[in-house]
C-alpha atoms as a PDB file:
ATOM      1  CA  MET A   1     -15.970   7.955  57.617  1.00  0.00           C
ATOM      2  CA  GLU A   2     -18.114   9.435  54.879  1.00  0.00           C
ATOM      3  CA  HIS A   3     -15.018  10.336  52.855  1.00  0.00           C
ATOM      4  CA  LYS A   4     -13.739   6.767  53.145  1.00  0.00           C
ATOM      5  CA  ARG A   5     -16.977   5.342  51.680  1.00  0.00           C
ATOM      6  CA  GLU A   6     -16.867   7.749  48.738  1.00  0.00           C
ATOM      7  CA  PHE A   7     -13.246   6.831  48.090  1.00  0.00           C
ATOM      8  CA  GLU A   8     -14.124   3.108  48.221  1.00  0.00           C
ATOM      9  CA  LYS A   9     -16.971   3.651  45.717  1.00  0.00           C
ATOM     10  CA  VAL A  10     -14.689   5.542  43.328  1.00  0.00           C
ATOM     11  CA  VAL A  11     -12.008   2.849  43.555  1.00  0.00           C
ATOM     12  CA  GLU A  12     -14.630   0.132  43.131  1.00  0.00           C
ATOM     13  CA  LYS A  13     -15.992   1.807  39.972  1.00  0.00           C
ATOM     14  CA  LYS A  14     -12.485   2.174  38.527  1.00  0.00           C
ATOM     15  CA  VAL A  15     -11.660  -1.468  39.238  1.00  0.00           C
ATOM     16  CA  GLU A  16     -14.987  -2.556  37.783  1.00  0.00           C
ATOM     17  CA  SER A  17     -14.468  -0.566  34.576  1.00  0.00           C
ATOM     18  CA  THR A  18     -10.900  -1.860  34.274  1.00  0.00           C
ATOM     19  CA  VAL A  19     -12.065  -5.450  34.693  1.00  0.00           C
ATOM     20  CA  LYS A  20     -14.765  -4.890  32.064  1.00  0.00           C
ATOM     21  CA  LYS A  21     -12.184  -3.515  29.637  1.00  0.00           C
ATOM     22  CA  VAL A  22      -9.836  -6.452  30.259  1.00  0.00           C
ATOM     23  CA  VAL A  23     -12.678  -8.952  29.766  1.00  0.00           C
ATOM     24  CA  LYS A  24     -13.681  -7.197  26.525  1.00  0.00           C
ATOM     25  CA  VAL A  25     -10.105  -7.278  25.223  1.00  0.00           C
ATOM     26  CA  ILE A  26      -9.733 -10.964  26.076  1.00  0.00           C
ATOM     27  CA  ALA A  27     -13.093 -11.727  24.439  1.00  0.00           C
ATOM     28  CA  MET A  28     -12.067  -9.823  21.295  1.00  0.00           C
ATOM     29  CA  VAL A  29      -8.762 -11.681  21.113  1.00  0.00           C
ATOM     30  CA  ILE A  30     -10.517 -15.034  21.499  1.00  0.00           C
ATOM     31  CA  LEU A  31     -13.119 -14.018  18.909  1.00  0.00           C
ATOM     32  CA  GLY A  32     -10.365 -12.920  16.518  1.00  0.00           C
ATOM     33  CA  VAL A  33      -8.526 -16.226  16.915  1.00  0.00           C
ATOM     34  CA  LEU A  34     -11.749 -18.189  16.380  1.00  0.00           C
ATOM     35  CA  ILE A  35     -12.580 -16.190  13.237  1.00  0.00           C
ATOM     36  CA  PHE A  36      -9.028 -16.760  11.947  1.00  0.00           C
ATOM     37  CA  LEU A  37      -9.291 -20.520  12.587  1.00  0.00           C
ATOM     38  CA  LEU A  38     -12.735 -20.633  10.953  1.00  0.00           C
ATOM     39  CA  ALA A  39     -11.457 -18.721   7.910  1.00  0.00           C
ATOM     40  CA  ASN A  40      -8.595 -21.194   7.638  1.00  0.00           C
ATOM     41  CA  TYR A  41     -11.008 -24.131   7.854  1.00  0.00           C
ATOM     42  CA  LEU A  42     -13.202 -22.580   5.148  1.00  0.00           C
ATOM     43  CA  LEU A  43     -10.130 -22.058   2.970  1.00  0.00           C
ATOM     44  CA  MET A  44      -9.209 -25.728   3.382  1.00  0.00           C
ATOM     45  CA  ARG A  45     -12.743 -26.881   2.533  1.00  0.00           C
ATOM     46  CA  LEU A  46     -12.986 -24.600  -0.517  1.00  0.00           C
ATOM     47  CA  TRP A  47      -9.551 -25.669  -1.744  1.00  0.00           C
ATOM     48  CA  ASN A  48     -10.379 -29.352  -1.389  1.00  0.00           C
ATOM     49  CA  TRP A  49     -13.753 -28.844  -3.065  1.00  0.00           C
ATOM     50  CA  LEU A  50     -12.630 -26.725  -6.047  1.00  0.00           C
ATOM     51  CA  MET A  51      -8.935 -27.045  -6.808  1.00  0.00           C
ATOM     52  CA  PRO A  52      -8.619 -30.809  -7.445  1.00  0.00           C
ATOM     53  CA  ASP A  53     -11.489 -30.782  -9.949  1.00  0.00           C
ATOM     54  CA  LEU A  54     -10.567 -27.505 -11.652  1.00  0.00           C
ATOM     55  CA  PHE A  55      -6.782 -27.707 -11.804  1.00  0.00           C
ATOM     56  CA  GLY A  56      -5.926 -31.283 -10.894  1.00  0.00           C
ATOM     57  CA  VAL A  57      -3.989 -30.353  -7.744  1.00  0.00           C
ATOM     58  CA  GLY A  58      -4.055 -32.407  -4.572  1.00  0.00           C
ATOM     59  CA  THR A  59      -6.034 -31.773  -1.438  1.00  0.00           C
ATOM     60  CA  VAL A  60      -4.537 -29.960   1.532  1.00  0.00           C
ATOM     61  CA  THR A  61      -4.590 -30.550   5.266  1.00  0.00           C
ATOM     62  CA  TYR A  62      -5.667 -27.962   7.793  1.00  0.00           C
ATOM     63  CA  TRP A  63      -2.063 -26.922   8.488  1.00  0.00           C
ATOM     64  CA  GLN A  64      -1.214 -26.683   4.787  1.00  0.00           C
ATOM     65  CA  ALA A  65      -4.274 -24.473   4.331  1.00  0.00           C
ATOM     66  CA  LEU A  66      -2.995 -22.330   7.203  1.00  0.00           C
ATOM     67  CA  GLY A  67       0.311 -21.976   5.360  1.00  0.00           C
ATOM     68  CA  VAL A  68      -1.470 -21.016   2.135  1.00  0.00           C
ATOM     69  CA  PHE A  69      -3.584 -18.502   4.064  1.00  0.00           C
ATOM     70  CA  VAL A  70      -0.567 -16.865   5.710  1.00  0.00           C
ATOM     71  CA  LEU A  71       1.324 -16.838   2.415  1.00  0.00           C
ATOM     72  CA  ALA A  72      -1.602 -15.183   0.647  1.00  0.00           C
ATOM     73  CA  LYS A  73      -1.843 -12.577   3.391  1.00  0.00           C
ATOM     74  CA  LEU A  74       1.858 -11.835   3.122  1.00  0.00           C
ATOM     75  CA  LEU A  75       1.736 -11.576  -0.662  1.00  0.00           C
ATOM     76  CA  PHE A  76      -1.535  -9.703  -1.081  1.00  0.00           C
ATOM     77  CA  GLY A  77      -1.733  -7.666   2.127  1.00  0.00           C
ATOM     78  CA  PHE A  78      -3.727  -7.772   5.278  1.00  0.00           C
ATOM     79  CA  GLY A  79      -6.642  -5.646   4.103  1.00  0.00           C
ATOM     80  CA  GLY A  80      -7.999  -2.543   5.724  1.00  0.00           C
ATOM     81  CA  GLY A  81      -6.095  -0.233   3.406  1.00  0.00           C
ATOM     82  CA  GLY A  82      -9.013   0.747   1.201  1.00  0.00           C
ATOM     83  CA  GLY A  83     -11.059   2.729   3.675  1.00  0.00           C
ATOM     84  CA  LYS A  84     -10.926   6.452   4.207  1.00  0.00           C
ATOM     85  CA  SER A  85      -8.698   7.593   7.008  1.00  0.00           C
ATOM     86  CA  LYS A  86     -10.627   9.106   9.870  1.00  0.00           C
ATOM     87  CA  GLY A  87      -7.955  11.509  10.966  1.00  0.00           C
ATOM     88  CA  GLY A  88      -5.972  13.812   8.740  1.00  0.00           C
ATOM     89  CA  THR A  89      -5.326  13.581   5.058  1.00  0.00           C
ATOM     90  CA  SER A  90      -4.836  10.470   3.024  1.00  0.00           C
ATOM     91  CA  HIS A  91      -1.550   9.465   1.402  1.00  0.00           C
ATOM     92  CA  LYS A  92      -2.778  10.388  -2.077  1.00  0.00           C
ATOM     93  CA  LYS A  93      -3.730  13.876  -0.967  1.00  0.00           C
ATOM     94  CA  LYS A  94      -0.295  14.350   0.559  1.00  0.00           C
ATOM     95  CA  ILE A  95       1.358  13.362  -2.711  1.00  0.00           C
ATOM     96  CA  LYS A  96      -0.896  15.653  -4.750  1.00  0.00           C
ATOM     97  CA  SER A  97      -0.273  18.620  -2.515  1.00  0.00           C
ATOM     98  CA  SER A  98       3.485  18.196  -2.335  1.00  0.00           C
ATOM     99  CA  ASN A  99       5.423  20.796  -4.251  1.00  0.00           C
ATOM    100  CA  THR A 100       8.361  18.569  -5.121  1.00  0.00           C
ATOM    101  CA  CYS A 101       7.320  18.284  -8.772  1.00  0.00           C
ATOM    102  CA  MET A 102       6.426  21.919  -9.391  1.00  0.00           C
ATOM    103  CA  PRO A 103       9.503  22.698 -11.560  1.00  0.00           C
ATOM    104  CA  TRP A 104       8.736  19.646 -13.709  1.00  0.00           C
ATOM    105  CA  ARG A 105       5.134  20.701 -14.096  1.00  0.00           C
ATOM    106  CA  ARG A 106       6.161  24.143 -15.297  1.00  0.00           C
ATOM    107  CA  ASP A 107       8.588  22.588 -17.790  1.00  0.00           C
ATOM    108  CA  PHE A 108       5.891  20.191 -18.963  1.00  0.00           C
ATOM    109  CA  ASP A 109       3.555  23.101 -19.741  1.00  0.00           C
ATOM    110  CA  GLU A 110       6.086  24.354 -22.262  1.00  0.00           C
ATOM    111  CA  TRP A 111       5.891  21.109 -24.267  1.00  0.00           C
ATOM    112  CA  LYS A 112       2.600  22.182 -25.817  1.00  0.00           C
ATOM    113  CA  HIS A 113       4.686  24.385 -28.161  1.00  0.00           C
ATOM    114  CA  TYR A 114       6.940  21.514 -29.241  1.00  0.00           C
ATOM    115  CA  ASP A 115       5.070  20.565 -32.428  1.00  0.00           C
ATOM    116  CA  GLN A 116       4.945  24.140 -33.652  1.00  0.00           C
ATOM    117  CA  PHE A 117       8.680  24.631 -32.937  1.00  0.00           C
ATOM    118  CA  TRP A 118       9.586  21.423 -34.733  1.00  0.00           C
ATOM    119  CA  LYS A 119       7.625  22.501 -37.826  1.00  0.00           C
ATOM    120  CA  GLU A 120       9.184  25.963 -37.921  1.00  0.00           C
ATOM    121  CA  GLU A 121      12.763  25.557 -36.722  1.00  0.00           C
ATOM    122  CA  GLY A 122      13.313  22.071 -35.461  1.00  0.00           C
ATOM    123  CA  GLU A 123      14.382  20.195 -38.513  1.00  0.00           C
ATOM    124  CA  GLU A 124      17.008  22.734 -39.542  1.00  0.00           C
ATOM    125  CA  ALA A 125      18.192  23.141 -35.947  1.00  0.00           C
ATOM    126  CA  PHE A 126      18.503  19.376 -35.581  1.00  0.00           C
ATOM    127  CA  LYS A 127      20.481  19.040 -38.816  1.00  0.00           C
ATOM    128  CA  ALA A 128      22.798  21.848 -37.707  1.00  0.00           C
ATOM    129  CA  TYR A 129      23.278  20.120 -34.358  1.00  0.00           C
ATOM    130  CA  VAL A 130      24.139  16.800 -36.029  1.00  0.00           C
ATOM    131  CA  GLU A 131      26.649  18.545 -38.317  1.00  0.00           C
ATOM    132  CA  LYS A 132      28.219  20.241 -35.288  1.00  0.00           C
ATOM    133  CA  ILE A 133      28.581  16.892 -33.520  1.00  0.00           C
ATOM    134  CA  LYS A 134      30.081  15.284 -36.606  1.00  0.00           C
ATOM    135  CA  ASN A 135      32.566  18.126 -36.978  1.00  0.00           C
ATOM    136  CA  ASP A 136      33.480  17.989 -33.266  1.00  0.00           C
ATOM    137  CA  ASN A 137      33.962  14.217 -33.444  1.00  0.00           C
ATOM    138  CA  HIS A 138      35.919  14.544 -36.671  1.00  0.00           C
ATOM    139  CA  ASP A 139      38.226  17.149 -35.101  1.00  0.00           C
ATOM    140  CA  THR A 140      38.901  15.019 -32.020  1.00  0.00           C
ATOM    141  CA  SER A 141      39.547  11.915 -34.110  1.00  0.00           C
ATOM    142  CA  GLU A 142      42.101  13.806 -36.239  1.00  0.00           C
ATOM    143  CA  GLU A 143      43.952  14.924 -33.109  1.00  0.00           C
ATOM    144  CA  ASN A 144      44.327  11.309 -31.941  1.00  0.00           C
END
């Protein structure tokens, strides 16, 4: 009998906590919908207050403002991307730490000698290269 009462109390606590969680989720969903509808109403009021005077456009209805709101969200994002991630590394850190560009970075370090090379050997080497190309093109054109 004692065991049955303890079991009933445990089940009652689990049901109670589950009901509380469900009520909280439903309340959050309703609050989210109300905030969304209020934001849409504020968008409509701001549009109708500012846009006709500033840009000479017409006023919008509530449903047109909803369309503008959804369109803006689709075009400009849904927000929440600027905060720091709580778990793990951020996307930028992953890109920085990736070793996919290491050969390019090593090659890029060699470019600091480019100006000196061009002053010493580059101009003559370039002229020789152009002459070689002209001669190669001239030889192939004679064969045709």
